[in-house]
């Protein structure tokens, strides 16, 4: 499949219906993270980053304000994509965007200023136009927050697009 748009051209339309051919999952190639489904050896299934809570991220009680967890999850998704060779900035220059269409969080315990947190991000499911992620935010071994999100690929007009099979290659810095 070719890229979903070039400079000065109208993005190519793709069939993103549930009955669209699924001979090879775009997100499997994009993130190389569904090796348990595809059986491909040695591919990254999840990515982990550390986040130190900044003072500006806390509320009057000294806890991380709930809105900041969304930023942490964005960082996790971005770094997972980067580990697969992709680059969001380059993707957007090519006229493709990932938008959050669903987000669920479960807060178990609060994070506080200067805590060093570990964020685990993994791809849990994909379709031709959407990717689902799961997140676990920990302080040491203590689980603080669990979350899930669904992102969809759209063009500049906000129209749903099939994720190109070679998106990581199309957007790499190399």
C-alpha atoms as a PDB file:
ATOM      1  CA  UNK A   1       0.000   0.000   0.000  1.00  0.00           C
ATOM      2  CA  UNK A   2       1.266   3.464  -0.744  1.00  0.00           C
ATOM      3  CA  UNK A   3       1.432   6.478   1.551  1.00  0.00           C
ATOM      4  CA  UNK A   4      -1.852   8.252   2.399  1.00  0.00           C
ATOM      5  CA  UNK A   5      -1.027  11.598   0.862  1.00  0.00           C
ATOM      6  CA  UNK A   6       1.757  13.683  -0.525  1.00  0.00           C
ATOM      7  CA  UNK A   7       2.457  17.377  -0.431  1.00  0.00           C
ATOM      8  CA  UNK A   8      -0.030  19.219  -2.598  1.00  0.00           C
ATOM      9  CA  UNK A   9      -2.202  16.176  -3.234  1.00  0.00           C
ATOM     10  CA  UNK A  10      -5.447  15.011  -1.759  1.00  0.00           C
ATOM     11  CA  UNK A  11      -4.959  12.053   0.624  1.00  0.00           C
ATOM     12  CA  UNK A  12      -5.753   8.660  -0.838  1.00  0.00           C
ATOM     13  CA  UNK A  13      -8.966   7.070   0.477  1.00  0.00           C
ATOM     14  CA  UNK A  14      -8.681   3.699   2.147  1.00  0.00           C
ATOM     15  CA  UNK A  15     -11.255   1.080   3.050  1.00  0.00           C
ATOM     16  CA  UNK A  16     -11.311   1.056   6.844  1.00  0.00           C
ATOM     17  CA  UNK A  17     -14.545  -0.874   7.213  1.00  0.00           C
ATOM     18  CA  UNK A  18     -14.618  -3.906   9.523  1.00  0.00           C
ATOM     19  CA  UNK A  19     -14.693  -6.133   6.416  1.00  0.00           C
ATOM     20  CA  UNK A  20     -11.560  -4.587   4.884  1.00  0.00           C
ATOM     21  CA  UNK A  21      -8.866  -7.117   3.981  1.00  0.00           C
ATOM     22  CA  UNK A  22      -6.601  -7.778   6.945  1.00  0.00           C
ATOM     23  CA  UNK A  23      -3.848  -9.782   5.288  1.00  0.00           C
ATOM     24  CA  UNK A  24      -1.272  -7.923   7.357  1.00  0.00           C
ATOM     25  CA  UNK A  25      -2.124  -5.676  10.306  1.00  0.00           C
ATOM     26  CA  UNK A  26      -0.813  -2.153   9.746  1.00  0.00           C
ATOM     27  CA  UNK A  27      -0.103  -1.694  13.424  1.00  0.00           C
ATOM     28  CA  UNK A  28       1.906  -4.915  13.477  1.00  0.00           C
ATOM     29  CA  UNK A  29       4.256  -3.417  10.907  1.00  0.00           C
ATOM     30  CA  UNK A  30       3.983   0.108  12.315  1.00  0.00           C
ATOM     31  CA  UNK A  31       4.863  -0.755  15.863  1.00  0.00           C
ATOM     32  CA  UNK A  32       6.135  -4.318  15.409  1.00  0.00           C
ATOM     33  CA  UNK A  33       4.501  -4.905  18.740  1.00  0.00           C
ATOM     34  CA  UNK A  34       1.974  -7.630  18.131  1.00  0.00           C
ATOM     35  CA  UNK A  35       4.461 -10.443  17.756  1.00  0.00           C
ATOM     36  CA  UNK A  36       2.375 -12.624  20.029  1.00  0.00           C
ATOM     37  CA  UNK A  37      -0.366 -12.418  17.383  1.00  0.00           C
ATOM     38  CA  UNK A  38       1.817 -12.560  14.285  1.00  0.00           C
ATOM     39  CA  UNK A  39       4.353 -14.997  15.683  1.00  0.00           C
ATOM     40  CA  UNK A  40       7.267 -12.850  14.533  1.00  0.00           C
ATOM     41  CA  UNK A  41      10.282 -13.375  16.812  1.00  0.00           C
ATOM     42  CA  UNK A  42      12.255 -10.652  18.556  1.00  0.00           C
ATOM     43  CA  UNK A  43       9.806  -7.774  18.106  1.00  0.00           C
ATOM     44  CA  UNK A  44       9.090  -5.205  20.811  1.00  0.00           C
ATOM     45  CA  UNK A  45       5.708  -5.719  22.444  1.00  0.00           C
ATOM     46  CA  UNK A  46       5.905  -2.887  24.956  1.00  0.00           C
ATOM     47  CA  UNK A  47       8.042   0.051  25.972  1.00  0.00           C
ATOM     48  CA  UNK A  48       8.930   1.423  29.403  1.00  0.00           C
ATOM     49  CA  UNK A  49       9.966   4.963  30.336  1.00  0.00           C
ATOM     50  CA  UNK A  50      10.711   6.734  33.598  1.00  0.00           C
ATOM     51  CA  UNK A  51       8.959   9.972  34.492  1.00  0.00           C
ATOM     52  CA  UNK A  52       9.908  12.240  37.409  1.00  0.00           C
ATOM     53  CA  UNK A  53       6.915  14.184  38.720  1.00  0.00           C
ATOM     54  CA  UNK A  54       7.499  17.934  38.429  1.00  0.00           C
ATOM     55  CA  UNK A  55       6.113  20.422  40.942  1.00  0.00           C
ATOM     56  CA  UNK A  56       3.956  22.080  38.261  1.00  0.00           C
ATOM     57  CA  UNK A  57       2.161  18.748  37.695  1.00  0.00           C
ATOM     58  CA  UNK A  58       0.791  18.614  41.254  1.00  0.00           C
ATOM     59  CA  UNK A  59      -2.349  20.059  42.816  1.00  0.00           C
ATOM     60  CA  UNK A  60      -2.825  21.857  46.157  1.00  0.00           C
ATOM     61  CA  UNK A  61      -2.726  18.514  47.996  1.00  0.00           C
ATOM     62  CA  UNK A  62       0.656  17.648  46.501  1.00  0.00           C
ATOM     63  CA  UNK A  63      -0.752  14.889  44.273  1.00  0.00           C
ATOM     64  CA  UNK A  64      -0.267  14.681  40.512  1.00  0.00           C
ATOM     65  CA  UNK A  65      -3.297  16.397  38.986  1.00  0.00           C
ATOM     66  CA  UNK A  66      -5.404  13.910  37.034  1.00  0.00           C
ATOM     67  CA  UNK A  67      -4.976  15.819  33.741  1.00  0.00           C
ATOM     68  CA  UNK A  68      -1.225  15.188  33.759  1.00  0.00           C
ATOM     69  CA  UNK A  69      -1.656  11.432  33.449  1.00  0.00           C
ATOM     70  CA  UNK A  70      -2.832  12.024  29.871  1.00  0.00           C
ATOM     71  CA  UNK A  71       0.508  13.683  29.096  1.00  0.00           C
ATOM     72  CA  UNK A  72       2.375  10.715  30.560  1.00  0.00           C
ATOM     73  CA  UNK A  73       0.417   8.299  28.347  1.00  0.00           C
ATOM     74  CA  UNK A  74       1.132  10.439  25.284  1.00  0.00           C
ATOM     75  CA  UNK A  75       4.826  10.248  26.135  1.00  0.00           C
ATOM     76  CA  UNK A  76       4.545   6.464  26.374  1.00  0.00           C
ATOM     77  CA  UNK A  77       2.849   6.121  22.972  1.00  0.00           C
ATOM     78  CA  UNK A  78       5.346   8.479  21.336  1.00  0.00           C
ATOM     79  CA  UNK A  79       8.371   6.655  22.726  1.00  0.00           C
ATOM     80  CA  UNK A  80       6.951   3.264  21.736  1.00  0.00           C
ATOM     81  CA  UNK A  81       6.533   4.539  18.159  1.00  0.00           C
ATOM     82  CA  UNK A  82      10.047   6.018  18.235  1.00  0.00           C
ATOM     83  CA  UNK A  83      11.494   2.656  19.374  1.00  0.00           C
ATOM     84  CA  UNK A  84       9.879   1.075  16.314  1.00  0.00           C
ATOM     85  CA  UNK A  85      11.639   3.581  14.035  1.00  0.00           C
ATOM     86  CA  UNK A  86       8.699   5.946  13.555  1.00  0.00           C
ATOM     87  CA  UNK A  87       8.497   9.682  14.086  1.00  0.00           C
ATOM     88  CA  UNK A  88       5.200  11.482  14.843  1.00  0.00           C
ATOM     89  CA  UNK A  89       6.460  14.813  13.532  1.00  0.00           C
ATOM     90  CA  UNK A  90       7.321  13.294  10.158  1.00  0.00           C
ATOM     91  CA  UNK A  91       3.999  11.456  10.108  1.00  0.00           C
ATOM     92  CA  UNK A  92       2.128  14.730  10.580  1.00  0.00           C
ATOM     93  CA  UNK A  93       4.188  16.400   7.839  1.00  0.00           C
ATOM     94  CA  UNK A  94       2.894  13.661   5.548  1.00  0.00           C
ATOM     95  CA  UNK A  95      -0.711  14.525   6.423  1.00  0.00           C
ATOM     96  CA  UNK A  96      -1.511  11.719   8.859  1.00  0.00           C
ATOM     97  CA  UNK A  97      -2.461  12.145  12.495  1.00  0.00           C
ATOM     98  CA  UNK A  98      -3.364   9.903  15.415  1.00  0.00           C
ATOM     99  CA  UNK A  99      -6.270  11.212  17.479  1.00  0.00           C
ATOM    100  CA  UNK A 100      -7.462   9.822  20.791  1.00  0.00           C
ATOM    101  CA  UNK A 101     -11.003   8.489  20.429  1.00  0.00           C
ATOM    102  CA  UNK A 102     -11.323   6.694  23.772  1.00  0.00           C
ATOM    103  CA  UNK A 103      -9.524   6.873  27.086  1.00  0.00           C
ATOM    104  CA  UNK A 104     -10.167   5.020  30.352  1.00  0.00           C
ATOM    105  CA  UNK A 105      -8.228   5.434  33.603  1.00  0.00           C
ATOM    106  CA  UNK A 106      -8.341   3.737  36.973  1.00  0.00           C
ATOM    107  CA  UNK A 107      -6.542   5.574  39.761  1.00  0.00           C
ATOM    108  CA  UNK A 108      -5.391   3.268  42.549  1.00  0.00           C
ATOM    109  CA  UNK A 109      -2.954   5.451  44.510  1.00  0.00           C
ATOM    110  CA  UNK A 110      -1.701   9.012  44.009  1.00  0.00           C
ATOM    111  CA  UNK A 111       1.681  10.005  42.657  1.00  0.00           C
ATOM    112  CA  UNK A 112       3.422  12.932  44.358  1.00  0.00           C
ATOM    113  CA  UNK A 113       5.979  15.613  43.563  1.00  0.00           C
ATOM    114  CA  UNK A 114       9.470  14.243  42.805  1.00  0.00           C
ATOM    115  CA  UNK A 115       8.301  10.607  42.600  1.00  0.00           C
ATOM    116  CA  UNK A 116      10.138   8.622  39.964  1.00  0.00           C
ATOM    117  CA  UNK A 117       7.483   6.690  38.078  1.00  0.00           C
ATOM    118  CA  UNK A 118       7.741   3.851  35.584  1.00  0.00           C
ATOM    119  CA  UNK A 119       5.286   3.901  32.704  1.00  0.00           C
ATOM    120  CA  UNK A 120       4.718   0.678  30.795  1.00  0.00           C
ATOM    121  CA  UNK A 121       2.979   1.112  27.431  1.00  0.00           C
ATOM    122  CA  UNK A 122       1.912  -1.727  25.177  1.00  0.00           C
ATOM    123  CA  UNK A 123      -0.234  -2.281  22.138  1.00  0.00           C
ATOM    124  CA  UNK A 124      -3.146  -4.522  23.048  1.00  0.00           C
ATOM    125  CA  UNK A 125      -5.124  -4.591  19.774  1.00  0.00           C
ATOM    126  CA  UNK A 126      -5.152  -3.069  16.301  1.00  0.00           C
ATOM    127  CA  UNK A 127      -7.443  -2.691  13.309  1.00  0.00           C
ATOM    128  CA  UNK A 128      -6.650  -1.193   9.903  1.00  0.00           C
ATOM    129  CA  UNK A 129      -7.286   2.344  11.228  1.00  0.00           C
ATOM    130  CA  UNK A 130      -7.062   2.126  15.050  1.00  0.00           C
ATOM    131  CA  UNK A 131      -4.587   1.097  17.717  1.00  0.00           C
ATOM    132  CA  UNK A 132      -5.419   0.255  21.323  1.00  0.00           C
ATOM    133  CA  UNK A 133      -2.839   0.777  24.051  1.00  0.00           C
ATOM    134  CA  UNK A 134      -2.651  -0.364  27.648  1.00  0.00           C
ATOM    135  CA  UNK A 135      -0.715   1.492  30.354  1.00  0.00           C
ATOM    136  CA  UNK A 136       0.557   0.749  33.842  1.00  0.00           C
ATOM    137  CA  UNK A 137       2.074   3.532  35.946  1.00  0.00           C
ATOM    138  CA  UNK A 138       4.160   2.357  38.895  1.00  0.00           C
ATOM    139  CA  UNK A 139       6.189   3.816  41.749  1.00  0.00           C
ATOM    140  CA  UNK A 140       8.732   1.082  42.320  1.00  0.00           C
ATOM    141  CA  UNK A 141       6.606  -2.066  42.298  1.00  0.00           C
ATOM    142  CA  UNK A 142       3.473  -0.276  43.521  1.00  0.00           C
ATOM    143  CA  UNK A 143       0.753   0.082  40.860  1.00  0.00           C
ATOM    144  CA  UNK A 144      -0.632   3.638  40.866  1.00  0.00           C
ATOM    145  CA  UNK A 145      -2.718   3.864  37.692  1.00  0.00           C
ATOM    146  CA  UNK A 146      -3.975   1.591  34.931  1.00  0.00           C
ATOM    147  CA  UNK A 147      -5.348   2.959  31.686  1.00  0.00           C
ATOM    148  CA  UNK A 148      -6.274   2.141  28.117  1.00  0.00           C
ATOM    149  CA  UNK A 149      -6.700   4.241  25.010  1.00  0.00           C
ATOM    150  CA  UNK A 150      -7.809   3.932  21.424  1.00  0.00           C
ATOM    151  CA  UNK A 151      -6.224   6.139  18.777  1.00  0.00           C
ATOM    152  CA  UNK A 152      -7.396   6.459  15.188  1.00  0.00           C
ATOM    153  CA  UNK A 153      -5.510   7.510  12.069  1.00  0.00           C
ATOM    154  CA  UNK A 154      -7.024  10.528  10.296  1.00  0.00           C
ATOM    155  CA  UNK A 155      -6.017  12.904   7.519  1.00  0.00           C
ATOM    156  CA  UNK A 156      -5.850  16.712   7.698  1.00  0.00           C
ATOM    157  CA  UNK A 157      -9.623  16.873   7.226  1.00  0.00           C
ATOM    158  CA  UNK A 158     -10.242  14.532  10.151  1.00  0.00           C
ATOM    159  CA  UNK A 159     -11.353  11.685   7.899  1.00  0.00           C
ATOM    160  CA  UNK A 160     -10.535   8.167   9.060  1.00  0.00           C
ATOM    161  CA  UNK A 161      -7.599   6.621   7.168  1.00  0.00           C
ATOM    162  CA  UNK A 162      -6.051   3.171   6.956  1.00  0.00           C
ATOM    163  CA  UNK A 163      -2.692   3.091   8.720  1.00  0.00           C
ATOM    164  CA  UNK A 164      -0.056   2.543   6.006  1.00  0.00           C
ATOM    165  CA  UNK A 165       1.725  -0.780   6.399  1.00  0.00           C
ATOM    166  CA  UNK A 166       5.080   0.968   6.069  1.00  0.00           C
ATOM    167  CA  UNK A 167       4.359   4.018   8.246  1.00  0.00           C
ATOM    168  CA  UNK A 168       7.397   3.491  10.484  1.00  0.00           C
ATOM    169  CA  UNK A 169       9.639   3.403   7.393  1.00  0.00           C
ATOM    170  CA  UNK A 170       7.864   6.406   5.831  1.00  0.00           C
ATOM    171  CA  UNK A 171       8.377   8.528   8.928  1.00  0.00           C
ATOM    172  CA  UNK A 172      11.808   7.410  10.137  1.00  0.00           C
ATOM    173  CA  UNK A 173      14.599   9.924  10.593  1.00  0.00           C
ATOM    174  CA  UNK A 174      17.017   7.728   8.665  1.00  0.00           C
END
